[in-house]
Amino acid sequence: MASGLDFEKPILELELKIAELKALASDGSIDLAEEINKLESRLEKVRREIFESLTPWQKVQIARHPKRPYTMDYINMIMVDFIELHGDRMFQDDKAIIGGFAKIDGEKILIIGHQKGKDTKENLMRNFGSAHPEGYRKAMRLMELAEKFNVPIVTFIDTPGAYPGIGAEERGQANSIAHNLREMIFLRVPVIVIVIGEGGSGGALGIGIGDRVYVMENAYYSVISPEGCAAILWKDRLKAPEAAEVLKLTAKDLIGLKIIDGEIPEPLGGAHRDPEKAAQALKRYIKKALKELKILSIDKLVDRRYEKFRGMGDI
């Protein structure tokens, strides 16, 4: 049976049975159409029952799914003429954050995002999407370049958190993130932020200040990972499901708390089940936000962004 998440097992079992029946009927010697139709109807019902009532912890698991589309996947699906730019001009190029200029339906944008790997080798190269200070400095350098040429900025967040190693701390991890928070507030171009997978702590916030902040349906955005929270509060990482519940990290919770501006829908079962459909939903939200933001004066745009983040917590 194909591997999947624990709560997906009933779905995977039905998918396997359907595949077996289709294989038996493939030579035309036996008619199993009725049985296959019944199982497919049952499969659709089970899918909806499971995926329309996911717990916060289950959404965290989907956000981490190894087949979930990453930043480069979305760039390839909805953008053209992507030119990646490298380095922070101080230390080195951090491959956990990628960025460069691209076009979306002919409109120029700067795209920046965390990038995870598709296998162990690439994950080691990308540091599992956990950026070092040079990654955030690179991101800020590119944002300032976009501001210079009056190009809107789009960022994709997908990180468990900024890298907490000794080297990163020695090179000013906290300072680089804090610098980005301050400078992004006052960027004089539209900034759109989308959490496409994991949105962990300061690692997410380092490229997370924008005029519009969206979270995909099965992504999460949190001050700490559920495991980290459980380890602190209960001294037991196995209590991560309870932590996910109290952290209020899903899109719907965050909308209620006035932390984000909207939830981007995903295909039933998660973006990894239909990446192209997920990408098109992402594209629609980006284009709509760009259209709304571009009609505002720059001064009004910056003032609104500042007030938006200063007002958080006042609910």
C-alpha atoms as a PDB file:
ATOM      1  CA  MET A   1       0.000   0.000   0.000  1.00  0.00           C
ATOM      2  CA  ALA A   2       1.200   3.506  -0.737  1.00  0.00           C
ATOM      3  CA  SER A   3       2.486   5.256   2.383  1.00  0.00           C
ATOM      4  CA  GLY A   4       0.438   8.073   3.840  1.00  0.00           C
ATOM      5  CA  LEU A   5      -0.506   9.844   7.029  1.00  0.00           C
ATOM      6  CA  ASP A   6      -2.206   7.806   9.750  1.00  0.00           C
ATOM      7  CA  PHE A   7      -5.611   9.400   9.267  1.00  0.00           C
ATOM      8  CA  GLU A   8      -5.395   8.764   5.504  1.00  0.00           C
ATOM      9  CA  LYS A   9      -5.288   4.959   5.881  1.00  0.00           C
ATOM     10  CA  PRO A  10      -9.017   4.367   5.130  1.00  0.00           C
ATOM     11  CA  ILE A  11      -8.582   6.372   1.918  1.00  0.00           C
ATOM     12  CA  LEU A  12      -5.423   4.537   0.880  1.00  0.00           C
ATOM     13  CA  GLU A  13      -7.053   1.156   1.515  1.00  0.00           C
ATOM     14  CA  LEU A  14     -10.001   2.037  -0.730  1.00  0.00           C
ATOM     15  CA  GLU A  15      -7.677   3.421  -3.415  1.00  0.00           C
ATOM     16  CA  LEU A  16      -5.717   0.145  -3.336  1.00  0.00           C
ATOM     17  CA  LYS A  17      -8.894  -1.964  -3.683  1.00  0.00           C
ATOM     18  CA  ILE A  18     -10.079   0.141  -6.627  1.00  0.00           C
ATOM     19  CA  ALA A  19      -6.698  -0.206  -8.311  1.00  0.00           C
ATOM     20  CA  GLU A  20      -6.759  -3.984  -7.832  1.00  0.00           C
ATOM     21  CA  LEU A  21     -10.261  -4.299  -9.307  1.00  0.00           C
ATOM     22  CA  LYS A  22      -9.318  -2.127 -12.288  1.00  0.00           C
ATOM     23  CA  ALA A  23      -6.277  -4.319 -12.896  1.00  0.00           C
ATOM     24  CA  LEU A  24      -8.453  -7.460 -12.811  1.00  0.00           C
ATOM     25  CA  ALA A  25     -10.933  -5.949 -15.255  1.00  0.00           C
ATOM     26  CA  SER A  26      -8.310  -4.479 -17.590  1.00  0.00           C
ATOM     27  CA  ASP A  27      -8.298  -7.404 -20.030  1.00  0.00           C
ATOM     28  CA  GLY A  28     -12.087  -7.278 -20.435  1.00  0.00           C
ATOM     29  CA  SER A  29     -12.653 -10.870 -19.311  1.00  0.00           C
ATOM     30  CA  ILE A  30     -14.629  -9.807 -16.264  1.00  0.00           C
ATOM     31  CA  ASP A  31     -17.040  -6.915 -15.704  1.00  0.00           C
ATOM     32  CA  LEU A  32     -16.380  -5.201 -12.390  1.00  0.00           C
ATOM     33  CA  ALA A  33     -17.763  -1.781 -13.317  1.00  0.00           C
ATOM     34  CA  GLU A  34     -20.543  -1.879 -10.718  1.00  0.00           C
ATOM     35  CA  GLU A  35     -18.196  -2.845  -7.878  1.00  0.00           C
ATOM     36  CA  ILE A  36     -15.674  -0.199  -8.933  1.00  0.00           C
ATOM     37  CA  ASN A  37     -18.360   2.506  -9.074  1.00  0.00           C
ATOM     38  CA  LYS A  38     -19.570   1.577  -5.588  1.00  0.00           C
ATOM     39  CA  LEU A  39     -16.058   1.740  -4.184  1.00  0.00           C
ATOM     40  CA  GLU A  40     -15.369   5.066  -5.914  1.00  0.00           C
ATOM     41  CA  SER A  41     -18.547   6.531  -4.411  1.00  0.00           C
ATOM     42  CA  ARG A  42     -17.507   5.218  -1.020  1.00  0.00           C
ATOM     43  CA  LEU A  43     -14.015   6.676  -1.513  1.00  0.00           C
ATOM     44  CA  GLU A  44     -15.383  10.132  -2.298  1.00  0.00           C
ATOM     45  CA  LYS A  45     -17.565  10.036   0.818  1.00  0.00           C
ATOM     46  CA  VAL A  46     -14.694   8.916   3.068  1.00  0.00           C
ATOM     47  CA  ARG A  47     -12.390  11.583   1.625  1.00  0.00           C
ATOM     48  CA  ARG A  48     -14.882  14.331   2.416  1.00  0.00           C
ATOM     49  CA  GLU A  49     -15.589  12.988   5.905  1.00  0.00           C
ATOM     50  CA  ILE A  50     -11.875  12.944   6.740  1.00  0.00           C
ATOM     51  CA  PHE A  51     -10.574  16.069   5.029  1.00  0.00           C
ATOM     52  CA  GLU A  52     -13.469  18.363   5.888  1.00  0.00           C
ATOM     53  CA  SER A  53     -13.032  17.738   9.621  1.00  0.00           C
ATOM     54  CA  LEU A  54      -9.266  17.811  10.084  1.00  0.00           C
ATOM     55  CA  THR A  55      -7.848  18.683  13.493  1.00  0.00           C
ATOM     56  CA  PRO A  56      -5.138  21.369  13.773  1.00  0.00           C
ATOM     57  CA  TRP A  57      -2.503  18.647  14.293  1.00  0.00           C
ATOM     58  CA  GLN A  58      -3.637  16.823  11.157  1.00  0.00           C
ATOM     59  CA  LYS A  59      -3.303  20.071   9.204  1.00  0.00           C
ATOM     60  CA  VAL A  60       0.230  20.445  10.544  1.00  0.00           C
ATOM     61  CA  GLN A  61       0.986  16.952   9.235  1.00  0.00           C
ATOM     62  CA  ILE A  62      -0.363  17.850   5.785  1.00  0.00           C
ATOM     63  CA  ALA A  63       1.669  21.087   5.833  1.00  0.00           C
ATOM     64  CA  ARG A  64       4.761  18.905   6.279  1.00  0.00           C
ATOM     65  CA  HIS A  65       3.829  16.309   3.669  1.00  0.00           C
ATOM     66  CA  PRO A  66       6.971  15.432   1.651  1.00  0.00           C
ATOM     67  CA  LYS A  67       5.045  15.647  -1.626  1.00  0.00           C
ATOM     68  CA  ARG A  68       3.576  19.061  -0.882  1.00  0.00           C
ATOM     69  CA  PRO A  69       4.562  21.685  -3.499  1.00  0.00           C
ATOM     70  CA  TYR A  70       7.414  23.969  -2.497  1.00  0.00           C
ATOM     71  CA  THR A  71       8.326  27.502  -3.608  1.00  0.00           C
ATOM     72  CA  MET A  72      10.121  26.412  -6.802  1.00  0.00           C
ATOM     73  CA  ASP A  73       7.183  24.176  -7.748  1.00  0.00           C
ATOM     74  CA  TYR A  74       4.793  27.113  -7.583  1.00  0.00           C
ATOM     75  CA  ILE A  75       7.212  29.363  -9.448  1.00  0.00           C
ATOM     76  CA  ASN A  76       7.402  26.810 -12.272  1.00  0.00           C
ATOM     77  CA  MET A  77       3.616  26.385 -12.390  1.00  0.00           C
ATOM     78  CA  ILE A  78       2.391  29.999 -12.292  1.00  0.00           C
ATOM     79  CA  MET A  79       5.348  32.217 -13.212  1.00  0.00           C
ATOM     80  CA  VAL A  80       7.682  32.671 -16.168  1.00  0.00           C
ATOM     81  CA  ASP A  81      11.095  34.240 -16.813  1.00  0.00           C
ATOM     82  CA  PHE A  82      12.308  33.544 -13.274  1.00  0.00           C
ATOM     83  CA  ILE A  83      15.852  34.824 -12.733  1.00  0.00           C
ATOM     84  CA  GLU A  84      17.297  33.674  -9.427  1.00  0.00           C
ATOM     85  CA  LEU A  85      19.623  36.046  -7.618  1.00  0.00           C
ATOM     86  CA  HIS A  86      22.155  34.829  -5.071  1.00  0.00           C
ATOM     87  CA  GLY A  87      24.067  35.909  -1.993  1.00  0.00           C
ATOM     88  CA  ASP A  88      23.876  38.496   0.774  1.00  0.00           C
ATOM     89  CA  ARG A  89      27.105  40.267  -0.292  1.00  0.00           C
ATOM     90  CA  MET A  90      28.476  39.679   3.216  1.00  0.00           C
ATOM     91  CA  PHE A  91      28.974  35.970   3.846  1.00  0.00           C
ATOM     92  CA  GLN A  92      27.526  33.476   1.373  1.00  0.00           C
ATOM     93  CA  ASP A  93      24.425  32.304  -0.479  1.00  0.00           C
ATOM     94  CA  ASP A  94      21.841  30.585   1.731  1.00  0.00           C
ATOM     95  CA  LYS A  95      19.990  27.969  -0.298  1.00  0.00           C
ATOM     96  CA  ALA A  96      17.185  27.691   2.271  1.00  0.00           C
ATOM     97  CA  ILE A  97      15.802  30.942   0.825  1.00  0.00           C
ATOM     98  CA  ILE A  98      15.525  31.544  -2.902  1.00  0.00           C
ATOM     99  CA  GLY A  99      14.589  34.747  -4.658  1.00  0.00           C
ATOM    100  CA  GLY A 100      14.581  36.581  -7.929  1.00  0.00           C
ATOM    101  CA  PHE A 101      12.511  38.442 -10.479  1.00  0.00           C
ATOM    102  CA  ALA A 102       9.728  36.734 -12.425  1.00  0.00           C
ATOM    103  CA  LYS A 103       6.518  37.475 -14.300  1.00  0.00           C
ATOM    104  CA  ILE A 104       2.985  36.385 -13.499  1.00  0.00           C
ATOM    105  CA  ASP A 105       0.692  36.883 -16.500  1.00  0.00           C
ATOM    106  CA  GLY A 106       3.086  39.502 -17.834  1.00  0.00           C
ATOM    107  CA  GLU A 107       3.373  41.441 -14.576  1.00  0.00           C
ATOM    108  CA  LYS A 108       6.848  41.750 -13.058  1.00  0.00           C
ATOM    109  CA  ILE A 109       7.270  40.702  -9.429  1.00  0.00           C
ATOM    110  CA  LEU A 110      10.036  39.828  -7.021  1.00  0.00           C
ATOM    111  CA  ILE A 111       9.440  36.360  -5.593  1.00  0.00           C
ATOM    112  CA  ILE A 112      11.190  35.221  -2.400  1.00  0.00           C
ATOM    113  CA  GLY A 113      10.512  31.979  -0.559  1.00  0.00           C
ATOM    114  CA  HIS A 114      11.812  29.270   1.705  1.00  0.00           C
ATOM    115  CA  GLN A 115      12.820  26.171  -0.227  1.00  0.00           C
ATOM    116  CA  LYS A 116      12.932  22.632   1.156  1.00  0.00           C
ATOM    117  CA  GLY A 117      14.441  19.625  -0.582  1.00  0.00           C
ATOM    118  CA  LYS A 118      12.764  16.771  -2.427  1.00  0.00           C
ATOM    119  CA  ASP A 119      15.175  14.159  -1.032  1.00  0.00           C
ATOM    120  CA  THR A 120      17.762  13.815   1.728  1.00  0.00           C
ATOM    121  CA  LYS A 121      20.626  15.201  -0.355  1.00  0.00           C
ATOM    122  CA  GLU A 122      18.701  18.312  -1.392  1.00  0.00           C
ATOM    123  CA  ASN A 123      17.279  18.780   2.110  1.00  0.00           C
ATOM    124  CA  LEU A 124      20.807  18.887   3.486  1.00  0.00           C
ATOM    125  CA  MET A 125      21.728  21.476   0.858  1.00  0.00           C
ATOM    126  CA  ARG A 126      18.587  23.507   1.638  1.00  0.00           C
ATOM    127  CA  ASN A 127      19.002  22.976   5.396  1.00  0.00           C
ATOM    128  CA  PHE A 128      15.414  21.654   5.483  1.00  0.00           C
ATOM    129  CA  GLY A 129      14.129  25.161   4.714  1.00  0.00           C
ATOM    130  CA  SER A 130      15.639  26.658   7.882  1.00  0.00           C
ATOM    131  CA  ALA A 131      17.498  29.804   6.885  1.00  0.00           C
ATOM    132  CA  HIS A 132      20.690  31.292   8.297  1.00  0.00           C
ATOM    133  CA  PRO A 133      21.211  35.053   8.806  1.00  0.00           C
ATOM    134  CA  GLU A 134      22.642  35.336   5.295  1.00  0.00           C
ATOM    135  CA  GLY A 135      19.338  34.032   3.926  1.00  0.00           C
ATOM    136  CA  TYR A 136      17.393  36.862   5.554  1.00  0.00           C
ATOM    137  CA  ARG A 137      20.039  39.389   4.514  1.00  0.00           C
ATOM    138  CA  LYS A 138      19.782  38.108   0.938  1.00  0.00           C
ATOM    139  CA  ALA A 139      15.997  38.458   1.093  1.00  0.00           C
ATOM    140  CA  MET A 140      16.287  42.056   2.310  1.00  0.00           C
ATOM    141  CA  ARG A 141      18.857  42.903  -0.362  1.00  0.00           C
ATOM    142  CA  LEU A 142      16.468  41.662  -3.051  1.00  0.00           C
ATOM    143  CA  MET A 143      13.506  43.509  -1.542  1.00  0.00           C
ATOM    144  CA  GLU A 144      15.466  46.756  -1.598  1.00  0.00           C
ATOM    145  CA  LEU A 145      16.295  46.065  -5.246  1.00  0.00           C
ATOM    146  CA  ALA A 146      12.598  45.541  -5.996  1.00  0.00           C
ATOM    147  CA  GLU A 147      11.777  48.796  -4.216  1.00  0.00           C
ATOM    148  CA  LYS A 148      14.401  50.626  -6.302  1.00  0.00           C
ATOM    149  CA  PHE A 149      12.754  49.456  -9.540  1.00  0.00           C
ATOM    150  CA  ASN A 150       9.170  49.765  -8.213  1.00  0.00           C
ATOM    151  CA  VAL A 151       8.430  46.034  -8.508  1.00  0.00           C
ATOM    152  CA  PRO A 152       5.830  44.370  -6.189  1.00  0.00           C
ATOM    153  CA  ILE A 153       7.095  41.697  -3.794  1.00  0.00           C
ATOM    154  CA  VAL A 154       5.584  38.249  -3.175  1.00  0.00           C
ATOM    155  CA  THR A 155       6.967  35.973  -0.455  1.00  0.00           C
ATOM    156  CA  PHE A 156       6.226  32.279   0.141  1.00  0.00           C
ATOM    157  CA  ILE A 157       6.750  31.043   3.700  1.00  0.00           C
ATOM    158  CA  ASP A 158       7.541  27.372   4.308  1.00  0.00           C
ATOM    159  CA  THR A 159       9.916  26.798   7.205  1.00  0.00           C
ATOM    160  CA  PRO A 160       9.885  25.041  10.579  1.00  0.00           C
ATOM    161  CA  GLY A 161      11.874  28.035  11.841  1.00  0.00           C
ATOM    162  CA  ALA A 162      15.134  29.911  11.415  1.00  0.00           C
ATOM    163  CA  TYR A 163      18.231  27.757  11.920  1.00  0.00           C
ATOM    164  CA  PRO A 164      19.202  27.843  15.652  1.00  0.00           C
ATOM    165  CA  GLY A 165      22.800  26.622  15.316  1.00  0.00           C
ATOM    166  CA  ILE A 166      25.839  28.230  16.921  1.00  0.00           C
ATOM    167  CA  GLY A 167      27.176  29.565  13.616  1.00  0.00           C
ATOM    168  CA  ALA A 168      23.862  31.216  12.792  1.00  0.00           C
ATOM    169  CA  GLU A 169      23.739  32.860  16.214  1.00  0.00           C
ATOM    170  CA  GLU A 170      27.348  34.030  15.894  1.00  0.00           C
ATOM    171  CA  ARG A 171      26.514  35.680  12.568  1.00  0.00           C
ATOM    172  CA  GLY A 172      23.524  37.543  14.013  1.00  0.00           C
ATOM    173  CA  GLN A 173      20.399  35.446  13.413  1.00  0.00           C
ATOM    174  CA  ALA A 174      18.134  37.489  15.698  1.00  0.00           C
ATOM    175  CA  ASN A 175      19.490  40.766  14.374  1.00  0.00           C
ATOM    176  CA  SER A 176      18.982  39.810  10.731  1.00  0.00           C
ATOM    177  CA  ILE A 177      15.339  38.846  11.353  1.00  0.00           C
ATOM    178  CA  ALA A 178      14.664  41.965  13.443  1.00  0.00           C
ATOM    179  CA  HIS A 179      16.217  44.120  10.723  1.00  0.00           C
ATOM    180  CA  ASN A 180      13.881  42.583   8.141  1.00  0.00           C
ATOM    181  CA  LEU A 181      10.825  43.169  10.335  1.00  0.00           C
ATOM    182  CA  ARG A 182      11.665  46.854  10.621  1.00  0.00           C
ATOM    183  CA  GLU A 183      12.607  47.394   7.003  1.00  0.00           C
ATOM    184  CA  MET A 184       9.712  45.450   5.456  1.00  0.00           C
ATOM    185  CA  ILE A 185       7.202  47.655   7.263  1.00  0.00           C
ATOM    186  CA  PHE A 186       8.414  50.664   5.286  1.00  0.00           C
ATOM    187  CA  LEU A 187       9.024  49.139   1.837  1.00  0.00           C
ATOM    188  CA  ARG A 188       7.463  51.474  -0.724  1.00  0.00           C
ATOM    189  CA  VAL A 189       6.037  48.758  -2.966  1.00  0.00           C
ATOM    190  CA  PRO A 190       3.144  46.298  -2.464  1.00  0.00           C
ATOM    191  CA  VAL A 191       4.126  43.219  -0.436  1.00  0.00           C
ATOM    192  CA  ILE A 192       2.089  39.993  -0.481  1.00  0.00           C
ATOM    193  CA  VAL A 193       2.915  37.177   1.957  1.00  0.00           C
ATOM    194  CA  ILE A 194       1.621  33.609   1.633  1.00  0.00           C
ATOM    195  CA  VAL A 195       2.259  30.719   4.023  1.00  0.00           C
ATOM    196  CA  ILE A 196       2.348  27.704   1.690  1.00  0.00           C
ATOM    197  CA  GLY A 197       3.366  25.059   4.224  1.00  0.00           C
ATOM    198  CA  GLU A 198       5.021  25.504   7.593  1.00  0.00           C
ATOM    199  CA  GLY A 199       5.070  28.983   9.093  1.00  0.00           C
ATOM    200  CA  GLY A 200       7.363  28.621  12.059  1.00  0.00           C
ATOM    201  CA  SER A 201       8.198  31.470  14.415  1.00  0.00           C
ATOM    202  CA  GLY A 202      10.753  34.184  13.563  1.00  0.00           C
ATOM    203  CA  GLY A 203      11.946  32.106  10.633  1.00  0.00           C
ATOM    204  CA  ALA A 204       8.593  32.817   9.000  1.00  0.00           C
ATOM    205  CA  LEU A 205       8.359  36.432  10.143  1.00  0.00           C
ATOM    206  CA  GLY A 206      11.740  37.247   8.608  1.00  0.00           C
ATOM    207  CA  ILE A 207       9.993  37.451   5.221  1.00  0.00           C
ATOM    208  CA  GLY A 208       6.465  37.761   6.610  1.00  0.00           C
ATOM    209  CA  ILE A 209       5.593  41.464   6.859  1.00  0.00           C
ATOM    210  CA  GLY A 210       3.170  42.443   4.111  1.00  0.00           C
ATOM    211  CA  ASP A 211       0.101  44.364   3.016  1.00  0.00           C
ATOM    212  CA  ARG A 212      -1.714  41.077   2.517  1.00  0.00           C
ATOM    213  CA  VAL A 213      -0.919  37.936   4.519  1.00  0.00           C
ATOM    214  CA  TYR A 214      -2.593  34.691   3.478  1.00  0.00           C
ATOM    215  CA  VAL A 215      -2.323  31.131   4.779  1.00  0.00           C
ATOM    216  CA  MET A 216      -3.158  28.129   2.623  1.00  0.00           C
ATOM    217  CA  GLU A 217      -5.948  25.886   3.889  1.00  0.00           C
ATOM    218  CA  ASN A 218      -3.653  23.113   5.138  1.00  0.00           C
ATOM    219  CA  ALA A 219      -0.699  25.268   6.141  1.00  0.00           C
ATOM    220  CA  TYR A 220       0.005  26.627   9.611  1.00  0.00           C
ATOM    221  CA  TYR A 221       1.446  29.846  11.057  1.00  0.00           C
ATOM    222  CA  SER A 222       2.648  29.790  14.637  1.00  0.00           C
ATOM    223  CA  VAL A 223       4.984  31.348  17.183  1.00  0.00           C
ATOM    224  CA  ILE A 224       6.470  27.886  17.836  1.00  0.00           C
ATOM    225  CA  SER A 225       6.113  24.353  16.498  1.00  0.00           C
ATOM    226  CA  PRO A 226       3.567  22.129  18.271  1.00  0.00           C
ATOM    227  CA  GLU A 227       6.394  19.807  19.381  1.00  0.00           C
ATOM    228  CA  GLY A 228       8.387  22.726  20.796  1.00  0.00           C
ATOM    229  CA  CYS A 229       5.350  24.070  22.611  1.00  0.00           C
ATOM    230  CA  ALA A 230       4.568  20.620  24.058  1.00  0.00           C
ATOM    231  CA  ALA A 231       8.155  20.195  25.237  1.00  0.00           C
ATOM    232  CA  ILE A 232       8.003  23.542  27.074  1.00  0.00           C
ATOM    233  CA  LEU A 233       4.503  23.322  28.554  1.00  0.00           C
ATOM    234  CA  TRP A 234       4.228  19.594  29.313  1.00  0.00           C
ATOM    235  CA  LYS A 235       7.837  18.414  29.050  1.00  0.00           C
ATOM    236  CA  ASP A 236       6.484  15.882  26.543  1.00  0.00           C
ATOM    237  CA  ARG A 237       6.758  16.275  22.761  1.00  0.00           C
ATOM    238  CA  LEU A 238       4.106  13.564  22.340  1.00  0.00           C
ATOM    239  CA  LYS A 239       1.527  16.143  23.433  1.00  0.00           C
ATOM    240  CA  ALA A 240       2.027  18.003  20.132  1.00  0.00           C
ATOM    241  CA  PRO A 241      -1.614  17.381  19.038  1.00  0.00           C
ATOM    242  CA  GLU A 242      -2.858  19.170  22.178  1.00  0.00           C
ATOM    243  CA  ALA A 243      -0.358  21.961  21.608  1.00  0.00           C
ATOM    244  CA  ALA A 244      -1.520  22.410  18.014  1.00  0.00           C
ATOM    245  CA  GLU A 245      -5.058  22.863  19.312  1.00  0.00           C
ATOM    246  CA  VAL A 246      -4.204  25.589  21.831  1.00  0.00           C
ATOM    247  CA  LEU A 247      -1.743  27.435  19.575  1.00  0.00           C
ATOM    248  CA  LYS A 248      -4.559  28.505  17.203  1.00  0.00           C
ATOM    249  CA  LEU A 249      -2.300  28.015  14.198  1.00  0.00           C
ATOM    250  CA  THR A 250      -4.763  27.226  11.393  1.00  0.00           C
ATOM    251  CA  ALA A 251      -5.920  29.776   8.833  1.00  0.00           C
ATOM    252  CA  LYS A 252      -9.438  29.947  10.282  1.00  0.00           C
ATOM    253  CA  ASP A 253      -8.113  30.577  13.799  1.00  0.00           C
ATOM    254  CA  LEU A 254      -5.708  33.237  12.532  1.00  0.00           C
ATOM    255  CA  ILE A 255      -8.462  35.050  10.627  1.00  0.00           C
ATOM    256  CA  GLY A 256     -10.511  35.154  13.835  1.00  0.00           C
ATOM    257  CA  LEU A 257      -7.538  36.621  15.690  1.00  0.00           C
ATOM    258  CA  LYS A 258      -7.018  39.210  12.913  1.00  0.00           C
ATOM    259  CA  ILE A 259      -3.487  37.994  12.268  1.00  0.00           C
ATOM    260  CA  ILE A 260      -3.986  37.191   8.566  1.00  0.00           C
ATOM    261  CA  ASP A 261      -6.155  38.483   5.753  1.00  0.00           C
ATOM    262  CA  GLY A 262      -7.494  35.261   4.303  1.00  0.00           C
ATOM    263  CA  GLU A 263      -7.339  31.522   3.679  1.00  0.00           C
ATOM    264  CA  ILE A 264      -6.386  30.148   0.268  1.00  0.00           C
ATOM    265  CA  PRO A 265      -8.377  26.981  -0.532  1.00  0.00           C
ATOM    266  CA  GLU A 266      -6.640  23.743  -1.461  1.00  0.00           C
ATOM    267  CA  PRO A 267      -7.792  20.666  -3.371  1.00  0.00           C
ATOM    268  CA  LEU A 268      -9.533  18.102  -1.179  1.00  0.00           C
ATOM    269  CA  GLY A 269      -6.814  16.249   0.707  1.00  0.00           C
ATOM    270  CA  GLY A 270      -4.140  18.903   0.351  1.00  0.00           C
ATOM    271  CA  ALA A 271      -2.076  20.699  -2.267  1.00  0.00           C
ATOM    272  CA  HIS A 272       0.035  17.593  -2.929  1.00  0.00           C
ATOM    273  CA  ARG A 273      -3.003  15.753  -4.334  1.00  0.00           C
ATOM    274  CA  ASP A 274      -3.481  18.298  -7.136  1.00  0.00           C
ATOM    275  CA  PRO A 275      -0.520  20.738  -7.248  1.00  0.00           C
ATOM    276  CA  GLU A 276      -1.715  22.469 -10.421  1.00  0.00           C
ATOM    277  CA  LYS A 277      -5.122  23.270  -8.912  1.00  0.00           C
ATOM    278  CA  ALA A 278      -3.445  24.546  -5.734  1.00  0.00           C
ATOM    279  CA  ALA A 279      -1.105  26.708  -7.838  1.00  0.00           C
ATOM    280  CA  GLN A 280      -3.988  28.275  -9.743  1.00  0.00           C
ATOM    281  CA  ALA A 281      -5.734  29.182  -6.476  1.00  0.00           C
ATOM    282  CA  LEU A 282      -2.490  30.778  -5.298  1.00  0.00           C
ATOM    283  CA  LYS A 283      -2.216  32.719  -8.531  1.00  0.00           C
ATOM    284  CA  ARG A 284      -5.770  34.068  -8.248  1.00  0.00           C
ATOM    285  CA  TYR A 285      -5.106  35.440  -4.773  1.00  0.00           C
ATOM    286  CA  ILE A 286      -1.803  37.030  -5.822  1.00  0.00           C
ATOM    287  CA  LYS A 287      -3.359  38.751  -8.843  1.00  0.00           C
ATOM    288  CA  LYS A 288      -6.382  39.974  -6.864  1.00  0.00           C
ATOM    289  CA  ALA A 289      -4.164  41.389  -4.115  1.00  0.00           C
ATOM    290  CA  LEU A 290      -1.852  43.096  -6.611  1.00  0.00           C
ATOM    291  CA  LYS A 291      -4.822  44.719  -8.320  1.00  0.00           C
ATOM    292  CA  GLU A 292      -6.202  46.021  -5.005  1.00  0.00           C
ATOM    293  CA  LEU A 293      -2.863  47.265  -3.681  1.00  0.00           C
ATOM    294  CA  LYS A 294      -1.631  48.999  -6.824  1.00  0.00           C
ATOM    295  CA  ILE A 295      -4.456  51.557  -6.762  1.00  0.00           C
ATOM    296  CA  LEU A 296      -3.328  52.865  -3.355  1.00  0.00           C
ATOM    297  CA  SER A 297      -0.820  55.682  -3.044  1.00  0.00           C
ATOM    298  CA  ILE A 298       2.564  54.592  -1.713  1.00  0.00           C
ATOM    299  CA  ASP A 299       2.197  56.662   1.452  1.00  0.00           C
ATOM    300  CA  LYS A 300      -1.215  55.155   2.185  1.00  0.00           C
ATOM    301  CA  LEU A 301       0.124  51.661   1.480  1.00  0.00           C
ATOM    302  CA  VAL A 302       2.961  52.058   3.982  1.00  0.00           C
ATOM    303  CA  ASP A 303       0.734  53.682   6.617  1.00  0.00           C
ATOM    304  CA  ARG A 304      -1.814  50.867   6.355  1.00  0.00           C
ATOM    305  CA  ARG A 305       0.896  48.207   6.619  1.00  0.00           C
ATOM    306  CA  TYR A 306       2.348  49.866   9.713  1.00  0.00           C
ATOM    307  CA  GLU A 307      -1.035  50.154  11.418  1.00  0.00           C
ATOM    308  CA  LYS A 308      -1.937  46.591  10.458  1.00  0.00           C
ATOM    309  CA  PHE A 309       0.942  45.114  12.410  1.00  0.00           C
ATOM    310  CA  ARG A 310       0.876  47.643  15.249  1.00  0.00           C
ATOM    311  CA  GLY A 311      -2.776  46.756  15.808  1.00  0.00           C
ATOM    312  CA  MET A 312      -2.270  43.016  16.178  1.00  0.00           C
ATOM    313  CA  GLY A 313      -3.235  41.709  19.578  1.00  0.00           C
ATOM    314  CA  ASP A 314      -5.988  44.271  20.075  1.00  0.00           C
ATOM    315  CA  ILE A 315      -9.036  42.047  19.622  1.00  0.00           C
END
